[in-house]
Amino acid sequence: MPVALTYLCAGMLFLGAVPLPYGYYTLLRLVACITFAWAAYVALENKHSFLPWAYGALALVFNPIFKVSFEKDIWIFIDVASAVFLLLSSKFVKAGSQHNGVS
């Protein structure tokens, strides 16, 4: 998975913790859903046991089609926790993707 996508998504998730226009959160859902779905696929291809499930669950939470509704305080926690999880776990997906020739 490209490092730039990881940092872009994590940065957007951290920024999602502050009050911004509704359009930003729509874009955030799209970017986060694509990033987490891609990470789930790469983790599954690399035969990780936990990461595909975690990334898949986050892709579902952030999906822009069937929106999951939470209070703003809960979304702040989800955004920040998801960004931290993405940054901490992406090295396993990145390392595995380079090993298998997936970028």
PDB file of N, CA and C in Angstrom:
ATOM      1  N   MET A   1       0.849  -1.171   0.000  1.00  0.00           N
ATOM      2  CA  MET A   1       0.000   0.000   0.000  1.00  0.00           C
ATOM      3  C   MET A   1       0.895   1.233   0.000  1.00  0.00           C
ATOM      4  N   PRO A   2       0.617   2.204  -0.841  1.00  0.00           N
ATOM      5  CA  PRO A   2       1.476   3.395  -0.911  1.00  0.00           C
ATOM      6  C   PRO A   2       1.526   4.161   0.417  1.00  0.00           C
ATOM      7  N   VAL A   3       2.712   4.548   0.784  1.00  0.00           N
ATOM      8  CA  VAL A   3       2.913   5.287   2.025  1.00  0.00           C
ATOM      9  C   VAL A   3       2.177   6.619   1.972  1.00  0.00           C
ATOM     10  N   ALA A   4       2.162   7.255   0.813  1.00  0.00           N
ATOM     11  CA  ALA A   4       1.498   8.549   0.688  1.00  0.00           C
ATOM     12  C   ALA A   4       0.006   8.428   0.999  1.00  0.00           C
ATOM     13  N   LEU A   5      -0.622   7.352   0.551  1.00  0.00           N
ATOM     14  CA  LEU A   5      -2.044   7.147   0.839  1.00  0.00           C
ATOM     15  C   LEU A   5      -2.273   6.951   2.333  1.00  0.00           C
ATOM     16  N   THR A   6      -1.388   6.221   2.965  1.00  0.00           N
ATOM     17  CA  THR A   6      -1.489   6.000   4.408  1.00  0.00           C
ATOM     18  C   THR A   6      -1.415   7.326   5.163  1.00  0.00           C
ATOM     19  N   TYR A   7      -0.432   8.146   4.823  1.00  0.00           N
ATOM     20  CA  TYR A   7      -0.268   9.430   5.507  1.00  0.00           C
ATOM     21  C   TYR A   7      -1.397  10.394   5.174  1.00  0.00           C
ATOM     22  N   LEU A   8      -1.848  10.394   3.933  1.00  0.00           N
ATOM     23  CA  LEU A   8      -2.962  11.253   3.543  1.00  0.00           C
ATOM     24  C   LEU A   8      -4.215  10.901   4.334  1.00  0.00           C
ATOM     25  N   CYS A   9      -4.538   9.623   4.384  1.00  0.00           N
ATOM     26  CA  CYS A   9      -5.740   9.183   5.091  1.00  0.00           C
ATOM     27  C   CYS A   9      -5.621   9.458   6.593  1.00  0.00           C
ATOM     28  N   ALA A  10      -4.469   9.144   7.171  1.00  0.00           N
ATOM     29  CA  ALA A  10      -4.274   9.390   8.605  1.00  0.00           C
ATOM     30  C   ALA A  10      -4.384  10.887   8.908  1.00  0.00           C
ATOM     31  N   GLY A  11      -3.790  11.710   8.075  1.00  0.00           N
ATOM     32  CA  GLY A  11      -3.885  13.154   8.274  1.00  0.00           C
ATOM     33  C   GLY A  11      -5.316  13.643   8.182  1.00  0.00           C
ATOM     34  N   MET A  12      -6.040  13.127   7.199  1.00  0.00           N
ATOM     35  CA  MET A  12      -7.452  13.511   7.066  1.00  0.00           C
ATOM     36  C   MET A  12      -8.263  13.048   8.269  1.00  0.00           C
ATOM     37  N   LEU A  13      -7.958  11.860   8.792  1.00  0.00           N
ATOM     38  CA  LEU A  13      -8.670  11.368   9.968  1.00  0.00           C
ATOM     39  C   LEU A  13      -8.381  12.237  11.194  1.00  0.00           C
ATOM     40  N   PHE A  14      -7.121  12.609  11.392  1.00  0.00           N
ATOM     41  CA  PHE A  14      -6.789  13.503  12.506  1.00  0.00           C
ATOM     42  C   PHE A  14      -7.501  14.849  12.346  1.00  0.00           C
ATOM     43  N   LEU A  15      -7.519  15.365  11.131  1.00  0.00           N
ATOM     44  CA  LEU A  15      -8.181  16.642  10.871  1.00  0.00           C
ATOM     45  C   LEU A  15      -9.693  16.535  11.068  1.00  0.00           C
ATOM     46  N   GLY A  16     -10.237  15.332  10.901  1.00  0.00           N
ATOM     47  CA  GLY A  16     -11.663  15.118  11.098  1.00  0.00           C
ATOM     48  C   GLY A  16     -12.111  15.315  12.532  1.00  0.00           C
ATOM     49  N   ALA A  17     -11.167  15.430  13.439  1.00  0.00           N
ATOM     50  CA  ALA A  17     -11.509  15.630  14.852  1.00  0.00           C
ATOM     51  C   ALA A  17     -11.892  17.080  15.154  1.00  0.00           C
ATOM     52  N   VAL A  18     -11.657  17.980  14.217  1.00  0.00           N
ATOM     53  CA  VAL A  18     -12.034  19.382  14.429  1.00  0.00           C
ATOM     54  C   VAL A  18     -13.290  19.694  13.619  1.00  0.00           C
ATOM     55  N   PRO A  19     -14.043  20.685  14.030  1.00  0.00           N
ATOM     56  CA  PRO A  19     -15.267  21.032  13.283  1.00  0.00           C
ATOM     57  C   PRO A  19     -14.934  21.571  11.884  1.00  0.00           C
ATOM     58  N   LEU A  20     -15.455  20.914  10.882  1.00  0.00           N
ATOM     59  CA  LEU A  20     -15.258  21.312   9.487  1.00  0.00           C
ATOM     60  C   LEU A  20     -16.584  21.212   8.745  1.00  0.00           C
ATOM     61  N   PRO A  21     -16.659  21.763   7.534  1.00  0.00           N
ATOM     62  CA  PRO A  21     -17.904  21.658   6.766  1.00  0.00           C
ATOM     63  C   PRO A  21     -18.256  20.202   6.461  1.00  0.00           C
ATOM     64  N   TYR A  22     -19.549  19.944   6.278  1.00  0.00           N
ATOM     65  CA  TYR A  22     -20.045  18.590   6.045  1.00  0.00           C
ATOM     66  C   TYR A  22     -19.380  17.925   4.845  1.00  0.00           C
ATOM     67  N   GLY A  23     -19.073  18.692   3.812  1.00  0.00           N
ATOM     68  CA  GLY A  23     -18.444  18.138   2.614  1.00  0.00           C
ATOM     69  C   GLY A  23     -17.111  17.465   2.909  1.00  0.00           C
ATOM     70  N   TYR A  24     -16.369  18.004   3.894  1.00  0.00           N
ATOM     71  CA  TYR A  24     -15.092  17.395   4.261  1.00  0.00           C
ATOM     72  C   TYR A  24     -15.309  15.980   4.790  1.00  0.00           C
ATOM     73  N   TYR A  25     -16.325  15.810   5.617  1.00  0.00           N
ATOM     74  CA  TYR A  25     -16.568  14.499   6.213  1.00  0.00           C
ATOM     75  C   TYR A  25     -17.060  13.502   5.166  1.00  0.00           C
ATOM     76  N   THR A  26     -17.745  13.983   4.143  1.00  0.00           N
ATOM     77  CA  THR A  26     -18.140  13.108   3.037  1.00  0.00           C
ATOM     78  C   THR A  26     -16.903  12.632   2.288  1.00  0.00           C
ATOM     79  N   LEU A  27     -15.990  13.551   2.005  1.00  0.00           N
ATOM     80  CA  LEU A  27     -14.732  13.182   1.353  1.00  0.00           C
ATOM     81  C   LEU A  27     -13.913  12.252   2.246  1.00  0.00           C
ATOM     82  N   LEU A  28     -13.879  12.537   3.538  1.00  0.00           N
ATOM     83  CA  LEU A  28     -13.152  11.693   4.483  1.00  0.00           C
ATOM     84  C   LEU A  28     -13.690  10.270   4.463  1.00  0.00           C
ATOM     85  N   ARG A  29     -15.005  10.112   4.453  1.00  0.00           N
ATOM     86  CA  ARG A  29     -15.595   8.770   4.389  1.00  0.00           C
ATOM     87  C   ARG A  29     -15.121   8.023   3.145  1.00  0.00           C
ATOM     88  N   LEU A  30     -15.118   8.705   2.022  1.00  0.00           N
ATOM     89  CA  LEU A  30     -14.712   8.077   0.768  1.00  0.00           C
ATOM     90  C   LEU A  30     -13.241   7.661   0.804  1.00  0.00           C
ATOM     91  N   VAL A  31     -12.375   8.578   1.197  1.00  0.00           N
ATOM     92  CA  VAL A  31     -10.934   8.295   1.246  1.00  0.00           C
ATOM     93  C   VAL A  31     -10.635   7.200   2.263  1.00  0.00           C
ATOM     94  N   ALA A  32     -11.231   7.282   3.452  1.00  0.00           N
ATOM     95  CA  ALA A  32     -10.979   6.288   4.492  1.00  0.00           C
ATOM     96  C   ALA A  32     -11.514   4.912   4.082  1.00  0.00           C
ATOM     97  N   CYS A  33     -12.693   4.877   3.499  1.00  0.00           N
ATOM     98  CA  CYS A  33     -13.266   3.596   3.074  1.00  0.00           C
ATOM     99  C   CYS A  33     -12.373   2.924   2.031  1.00  0.00           C
ATOM    100  N   ILE A  34     -11.934   3.678   1.040  1.00  0.00           N
ATOM    101  CA  ILE A  34     -11.056   3.116   0.001  1.00  0.00           C
ATOM    102  C   ILE A  34      -9.736   2.656   0.602  1.00  0.00           C
ATOM    103  N   THR A  35      -9.158   3.475   1.470  1.00  0.00           N
ATOM    104  CA  THR A  35      -7.873   3.132   2.087  1.00  0.00           C
ATOM    105  C   THR A  35      -7.991   1.866   2.925  1.00  0.00           C
ATOM    106  N   PHE A  36      -9.012   1.793   3.777  1.00  0.00           N
ATOM    107  CA  PHE A  36      -9.156   0.628   4.646  1.00  0.00           C
ATOM    108  C   PHE A  36      -9.541  -0.626   3.855  1.00  0.00           C
ATOM    109  N   ALA A  37     -10.338  -0.474   2.807  1.00  0.00           N
ATOM    110  CA  ALA A  37     -10.685  -1.636   1.979  1.00  0.00           C
ATOM    111  C   ALA A  37      -9.448  -2.157   1.257  1.00  0.00           C
ATOM    112  N   TRP A  38      -8.652  -1.258   0.732  1.00  0.00           N
ATOM    113  CA  TRP A  38      -7.421  -1.662   0.054  1.00  0.00           C
ATOM    114  C   TRP A  38      -6.463  -2.327   1.044  1.00  0.00           C
ATOM    115  N   ALA A  39      -6.333  -1.747   2.223  1.00  0.00           N
ATOM    116  CA  ALA A  39      -5.464  -2.323   3.250  1.00  0.00           C
ATOM    117  C   ALA A  39      -5.959  -3.711   3.659  1.00  0.00           C
ATOM    118  N   ALA A  40      -7.274  -3.885   3.745  1.00  0.00           N
ATOM    119  CA  ALA A  40      -7.827  -5.201   4.082  1.00  0.00           C
ATOM    120  C   ALA A  40      -7.468  -6.223   3.007  1.00  0.00           C
ATOM    121  N   TYR A  41      -7.579  -5.819   1.753  1.00  0.00           N
ATOM    122  CA  TYR A  41      -7.234  -6.713   0.648  1.00  0.00           C
ATOM    123  C   TYR A  41      -5.756  -7.106   0.695  1.00  0.00           C
ATOM    124  N   VAL A  42      -4.877  -6.115   0.864  1.00  0.00           N
ATOM    125  CA  VAL A  42      -3.440  -6.384   0.907  1.00  0.00           C
ATOM    126  C   VAL A  42      -3.102  -7.258   2.113  1.00  0.00           C
ATOM    127  N   ALA A  43      -3.701  -6.971   3.257  1.00  0.00           N
ATOM    128  CA  ALA A  43      -3.449  -7.779   4.458  1.00  0.00           C
ATOM    129  C   ALA A  43      -3.929  -9.211   4.268  1.00  0.00           C
ATOM    130  N   LEU A  44      -5.058  -9.374   3.597  1.00  0.00           N
ATOM    131  CA  LEU A  44      -5.578 -10.715   3.320  1.00  0.00           C
ATOM    132  C   LEU A  44      -4.648 -11.460   2.369  1.00  0.00           C
ATOM    133  N   GLU A  45      -4.173 -10.782   1.351  1.00  0.00           N
ATOM    134  CA  GLU A  45      -3.230 -11.388   0.404  1.00  0.00           C
ATOM    135  C   GLU A  45      -1.938 -11.804   1.100  1.00  0.00           C
ATOM    136  N   ASN A  46      -1.547 -11.045   2.118  1.00  0.00           N
ATOM    137  CA  ASN A  46      -0.320 -11.344   2.859  1.00  0.00           C
ATOM    138  C   ASN A  46      -0.551 -12.300   4.020  1.00  0.00           C
ATOM    139  N   LYS A  47      -1.764 -12.836   4.081  1.00  0.00           N
ATOM    140  CA  LYS A  47      -2.138 -13.864   5.050  1.00  0.00           C
ATOM    141  C   LYS A  47      -2.003 -13.431   6.514  1.00  0.00           C
ATOM    142  N   HIS A  48      -2.330 -12.155   6.766  1.00  0.00           N
ATOM    143  CA  HIS A  48      -2.431 -11.697   8.152  1.00  0.00           C
ATOM    144  C   HIS A  48      -3.730 -12.252   8.718  1.00  0.00           C
ATOM    145  N   SER A  49      -3.742 -12.562   9.989  1.00  0.00           N
ATOM    146  CA  SER A  49      -4.956 -13.138  10.565  1.00  0.00           C
ATOM    147  C   SER A  49      -5.920 -12.072  11.100  1.00  0.00           C
ATOM    148  N   PHE A  50      -5.421 -11.015  11.720  1.00  0.00           N
ATOM    149  CA  PHE A  50      -6.268 -10.021  12.356  1.00  0.00           C
ATOM    150  C   PHE A  50      -6.518  -8.795  11.473  1.00  0.00           C
ATOM    151  N   LEU A  51      -5.491  -8.330  10.783  1.00  0.00           N
ATOM    152  CA  LEU A  51      -5.574  -7.064  10.062  1.00  0.00           C
ATOM    153  C   LEU A  51      -6.677  -6.992   9.008  1.00  0.00           C
ATOM    154  N   PRO A  52      -6.910  -8.037   8.210  1.00  0.00           N
ATOM    155  CA  PRO A  52      -8.009  -7.908   7.236  1.00  0.00           C
ATOM    156  C   PRO A  52      -9.355  -7.636   7.897  1.00  0.00           C
ATOM    157  N   TRP A  53      -9.602  -8.259   9.024  1.00  0.00           N
ATOM    158  CA  TRP A  53     -10.868  -8.059   9.745  1.00  0.00           C
ATOM    159  C   TRP A  53     -10.957  -6.643  10.301  1.00  0.00           C
ATOM    160  N   ALA A  54      -9.870  -6.157  10.889  1.00  0.00           N
ATOM    161  CA  ALA A  54      -9.872  -4.810  11.462  1.00  0.00           C
ATOM    162  C   ALA A  54     -10.035  -3.755  10.369  1.00  0.00           C
ATOM    163  N   TYR A  55      -9.260  -3.888   9.303  1.00  0.00           N
ATOM    164  CA  TYR A  55      -9.375  -2.938   8.195  1.00  0.00           C
ATOM    165  C   TYR A  55     -10.752  -3.027   7.538  1.00  0.00           C
ATOM    166  N   GLY A  56     -11.265  -4.235   7.379  1.00  0.00           N
ATOM    167  CA  GLY A  56     -12.595  -4.404   6.785  1.00  0.00           C
ATOM    168  C   GLY A  56     -13.681  -3.751   7.630  1.00  0.00           C
ATOM    169  N   ALA A  57     -13.587  -3.905   8.941  1.00  0.00           N
ATOM    170  CA  ALA A  57     -14.569  -3.276   9.835  1.00  0.00           C
ATOM    171  C   ALA A  57     -14.501  -1.753   9.721  1.00  0.00           C
ATOM    172  N   LEU A  58     -13.289  -1.222   9.644  1.00  0.00           N
ATOM    173  CA  LEU A  58     -13.150   0.231   9.501  1.00  0.00           C
ATOM    174  C   LEU A  58     -13.663   0.707   8.146  1.00  0.00           C
ATOM    175  N   ALA A  59     -13.454  -0.082   7.100  1.00  0.00           N
ATOM    176  CA  ALA A  59     -14.003   0.277   5.789  1.00  0.00           C
ATOM    177  C   ALA A  59     -15.525   0.342   5.861  1.00  0.00           C
ATOM    178  N   LEU A  60     -16.143  -0.569   6.588  1.00  0.00           N
ATOM    179  CA  LEU A  60     -17.603  -0.547   6.739  1.00  0.00           C
ATOM    180  C   LEU A  60     -18.072   0.658   7.554  1.00  0.00           C
ATOM    181  N   VAL A  61     -17.339   1.002   8.601  1.00  0.00           N
ATOM    182  CA  VAL A  61     -17.713   2.149   9.432  1.00  0.00           C
ATOM    183  C   VAL A  61     -17.649   3.444   8.620  1.00  0.00           C
ATOM    184  N   PHE A  62     -16.637   3.561   7.751  1.00  0.00           N
ATOM    185  CA  PHE A  62     -16.450   4.796   6.996  1.00  0.00           C
ATOM    186  C   PHE A  62     -17.111   4.767   5.618  1.00  0.00           C
ATOM    187  N   ASN A  63     -17.808   3.694   5.266  1.00  0.00           N
ATOM    188  CA  ASN A  63     -18.367   3.619   3.912  1.00  0.00           C
ATOM    189  C   ASN A  63     -19.324   4.783   3.664  1.00  0.00           C
ATOM    190  N   PRO A  64     -19.236   5.373   2.460  1.00  0.00           N
ATOM    191  CA  PRO A  64     -20.055   6.551   2.181  1.00  0.00           C
ATOM    192  C   PRO A  64     -21.463   6.231   1.671  1.00  0.00           C
ATOM    193  N   ILE A  65     -21.770   4.977   1.446  1.00  0.00           N
ATOM    194  CA  ILE A  65     -23.070   4.617   0.868  1.00  0.00           C
ATOM    195  C   ILE A  65     -24.095   4.304   1.956  1.00  0.00           C
ATOM    196  N   PHE A  66     -23.775   3.360   2.808  1.00  0.00           N
ATOM    197  CA  PHE A  66     -24.647   3.007   3.932  1.00  0.00           C
ATOM    198  C   PHE A  66     -24.033   3.606   5.186  1.00  0.00           C
ATOM    199  N   LYS A  67     -24.343   4.862   5.432  1.00  0.00           N
ATOM    200  CA  LYS A  67     -23.677   5.616   6.481  1.00  0.00           C
ATOM    201  C   LYS A  67     -24.018   5.097   7.875  1.00  0.00           C
ATOM    202  N   VAL A  68     -22.979   5.009   8.690  1.00  0.00           N
ATOM    203  CA  VAL A  68     -23.117   4.665  10.092  1.00  0.00           C
ATOM    204  C   VAL A  68     -23.152   5.979  10.858  1.00  0.00           C
ATOM    205  N   SER A  69     -24.139   6.141  11.716  1.00  0.00           N
ATOM    206  CA  SER A  69     -24.289   7.401  12.451  1.00  0.00           C
ATOM    207  C   SER A  69     -23.851   7.247  13.899  1.00  0.00           C
ATOM    208  N   PHE A  70     -23.021   8.179  14.335  1.00  0.00           N
ATOM    209  CA  PHE A  70     -22.595   8.273  15.724  1.00  0.00           C
ATOM    210  C   PHE A  70     -22.668   9.736  16.125  1.00  0.00           C
ATOM    211  N   GLU A  71     -22.651   9.993  17.410  1.00  0.00           N
ATOM    212  CA  GLU A  71     -22.546  11.357  17.918  1.00  0.00           C
ATOM    213  C   GLU A  71     -21.166  11.908  17.562  1.00  0.00           C
ATOM    214  N   LYS A  72     -21.038  13.230  17.512  1.00  0.00           N
ATOM    215  CA  LYS A  72     -19.774  13.868  17.138  1.00  0.00           C
ATOM    216  C   LYS A  72     -18.627  13.439  18.048  1.00  0.00           C
ATOM    217  N   ASP A  73     -18.875  13.319  19.355  1.00  0.00           N
ATOM    218  CA  ASP A  73     -17.825  12.904  20.286  1.00  0.00           C
ATOM    219  C   ASP A  73     -17.310  11.507  19.962  1.00  0.00           C
ATOM    220  N   ILE A  74     -18.212  10.626  19.574  1.00  0.00           N
ATOM    221  CA  ILE A  74     -17.818   9.259  19.209  1.00  0.00           C
ATOM    222  C   ILE A  74     -17.017   9.286  17.910  1.00  0.00           C
ATOM    223  N   TRP A  75     -17.443  10.102  16.943  1.00  0.00           N
ATOM    224  CA  TRP A  75     -16.711  10.204  15.675  1.00  0.00           C
ATOM    225  C   TRP A  75     -15.300  10.735  15.895  1.00  0.00           C
ATOM    226  N   ILE A  76     -15.140  11.670  16.811  1.00  0.00           N
ATOM    227  CA  ILE A  76     -13.796  12.191  17.106  1.00  0.00           C
ATOM    228  C   ILE A  76     -12.907  11.060  17.584  1.00  0.00           C
ATOM    229  N   PHE A  77     -13.411  10.253  18.503  1.00  0.00           N
ATOM    230  CA  PHE A  77     -12.635   9.115  19.002  1.00  0.00           C
ATOM    231  C   PHE A  77     -12.334   8.132  17.872  1.00  0.00           C
ATOM    232  N   ILE A  78     -13.332   7.806  17.053  1.00  0.00           N
ATOM    233  CA  ILE A  78     -13.152   6.858  15.944  1.00  0.00           C
ATOM    234  C   ILE A  78     -12.119   7.393  14.952  1.00  0.00           C
ATOM    235  N   ASP A  79     -12.213   8.680  14.612  1.00  0.00           N
ATOM    236  CA  ASP A  79     -11.258   9.265  13.669  1.00  0.00           C
ATOM    237  C   ASP A  79      -9.827   9.174  14.183  1.00  0.00           C
ATOM    238  N   VAL A  80      -9.612   9.602  15.416  1.00  0.00           N
ATOM    239  CA  VAL A  80      -8.259   9.611  15.977  1.00  0.00           C
ATOM    240  C   VAL A  80      -7.746   8.184  16.180  1.00  0.00           C
ATOM    241  N   ALA A  81      -8.568   7.300  16.726  1.00  0.00           N
ATOM    242  CA  ALA A  81      -8.147   5.920  16.943  1.00  0.00           C
ATOM    243  C   ALA A  81      -7.862   5.217  15.618  1.00  0.00           C
ATOM    244  N   SER A  82      -8.660   5.484  14.594  1.00  0.00           N
ATOM    245  CA  SER A  82      -8.441   4.872  13.280  1.00  0.00           C
ATOM    246  C   SER A  82      -7.143   5.368  12.662  1.00  0.00           C
ATOM    247  N   ALA A  83      -6.860   6.653  12.815  1.00  0.00           N
ATOM    248  CA  ALA A  83      -5.613   7.209  12.284  1.00  0.00           C
ATOM    249  C   ALA A  83      -4.403   6.586  12.970  1.00  0.00           C
ATOM    250  N   VAL A  84      -4.458   6.478  14.278  1.00  0.00           N
ATOM    251  CA  VAL A  84      -3.354   5.869  15.025  1.00  0.00           C
ATOM    252  C   VAL A  84      -3.193   4.405  14.614  1.00  0.00           C
ATOM    253  N   PHE A  85      -4.297   3.670  14.532  1.00  0.00           N
ATOM    254  CA  PHE A  85      -4.243   2.268  14.125  1.00  0.00           C
ATOM    255  C   PHE A  85      -3.658   2.140  12.723  1.00  0.00           C
ATOM    256  N   LEU A  86      -4.080   2.988  11.807  1.00  0.00           N
ATOM    257  CA  LEU A  86      -3.576   2.938  10.439  1.00  0.00           C
ATOM    258  C   LEU A  86      -2.074   3.179  10.410  1.00  0.00           C
ATOM    259  N   LEU A  87      -1.608   4.182  11.129  1.00  0.00           N
ATOM    260  CA  LEU A  87      -0.176   4.487  11.136  1.00  0.00           C
ATOM    261  C   LEU A  87       0.642   3.367  11.775  1.00  0.00           C
ATOM    262  N   LEU A  88       0.129   2.800  12.868  1.00  0.00           N
ATOM    263  CA  LEU A  88       0.873   1.744  13.559  1.00  0.00           C
ATOM    264  C   LEU A  88       0.855   0.413  12.811  1.00  0.00           C
ATOM    265  N   SER A  89      -0.221   0.113  12.148  1.00  0.00           N
ATOM    266  CA  SER A  89      -0.344  -1.194  11.501  1.00  0.00           C
ATOM    267  C   SER A  89       0.079  -1.195  10.042  1.00  0.00           C
ATOM    268  N   SER A  90       0.202  -0.033   9.433  1.00  0.00           N
ATOM    269  CA  SER A  90       0.500   0.012   8.000  1.00  0.00           C
ATOM    270  C   SER A  90       1.870  -0.560   7.672  1.00  0.00           C
ATOM    271  N   LYS A  91       2.792  -0.545   8.621  1.00  0.00           N
ATOM    272  CA  LYS A  91       4.118  -1.105   8.337  1.00  0.00           C
ATOM    273  C   LYS A  91       4.033  -2.608   8.070  1.00  0.00           C
ATOM    274  N   PHE A  92       3.070  -3.278   8.672  1.00  0.00           N
ATOM    275  CA  PHE A  92       2.918  -4.704   8.414  1.00  0.00           C
ATOM    276  C   PHE A  92       2.353  -4.960   7.024  1.00  0.00           C
ATOM    277  N   VAL A  93       1.437  -4.119   6.597  1.00  0.00           N
ATOM    278  CA  VAL A  93       0.859  -4.251   5.256  1.00  0.00           C
ATOM    279  C   VAL A  93       1.887  -3.833   4.217  1.00  0.00           C
ATOM    280  N   LYS A  94       2.628  -2.766   4.499  1.00  0.00           N
ATOM    281  CA  LYS A  94       3.643  -2.298   3.561  1.00  0.00           C
ATOM    282  C   LYS A  94       4.747  -3.329   3.406  1.00  0.00           C
ATOM    283  N   ALA A  95       5.236  -3.859   4.526  1.00  0.00           N
ATOM    284  CA  ALA A  95       6.311  -4.847   4.472  1.00  0.00           C
ATOM    285  C   ALA A  95       5.861  -6.087   3.714  1.00  0.00           C
ATOM    286  N   GLY A  96       4.648  -6.518   3.989  1.00  0.00           N
ATOM    287  CA  GLY A  96       4.151  -7.705   3.309  1.00  0.00           C
ATOM    288  C   GLY A  96       3.894  -7.450   1.842  1.00  0.00           C
ATOM    289  N   SER A  97       3.420  -6.253   1.479  1.00  0.00           N
ATOM    290  CA  SER A  97       3.105  -5.967   0.087  1.00  0.00           C
ATOM    291  C   SER A  97       4.374  -5.902  -0.744  1.00  0.00           C
ATOM    292  N   GLN A  98       5.469  -5.418  -0.171  1.00  0.00           N
ATOM    293  CA  GLN A  98       6.726  -5.390  -0.912  1.00  0.00           C
ATOM    294  C   GLN A  98       7.250  -6.811  -1.115  1.00  0.00           C
ATOM    295  N   HIS A  99       7.019  -7.656  -0.137  1.00  0.00           N
ATOM    296  CA  HIS A  99       7.475  -9.031  -0.230  1.00  0.00           C
ATOM    297  C   HIS A  99       6.732  -9.786  -1.317  1.00  0.00           C
ATOM    298  N   ASN A 100       5.432  -9.533  -1.472  1.00  0.00           N
ATOM    299  CA  ASN A 100       4.623 -10.242  -2.452  1.00  0.00           C
ATOM    300  C   ASN A 100       4.544  -9.539  -3.791  1.00  0.00           C
ATOM    301  N   GLY A 101       5.209  -8.407  -3.932  1.00  0.00           N
ATOM    302  CA  GLY A 101       5.203  -7.697  -5.199  1.00  0.00           C
ATOM    303  C   GLY A 101       3.959  -6.852  -5.421  1.00  0.00           C
ATOM    304  N   VAL A 102       3.143  -6.663  -4.410  1.00  0.00           N
ATOM    305  CA  VAL A 102       1.959  -5.812  -4.515  1.00  0.00           C
ATOM    306  C   VAL A 102       2.351  -4.432  -4.030  1.00  0.00           C
ATOM    307  N   SER A 103       1.987  -3.391  -4.776  1.00  0.00           N
ATOM    308  CA  SER A 103       2.324  -2.043  -4.292  1.00  0.00           C
ATOM    309  C   SER A 103       1.091  -1.201  -4.154  1.00  0.00           C
TER     310      SER A 103
END
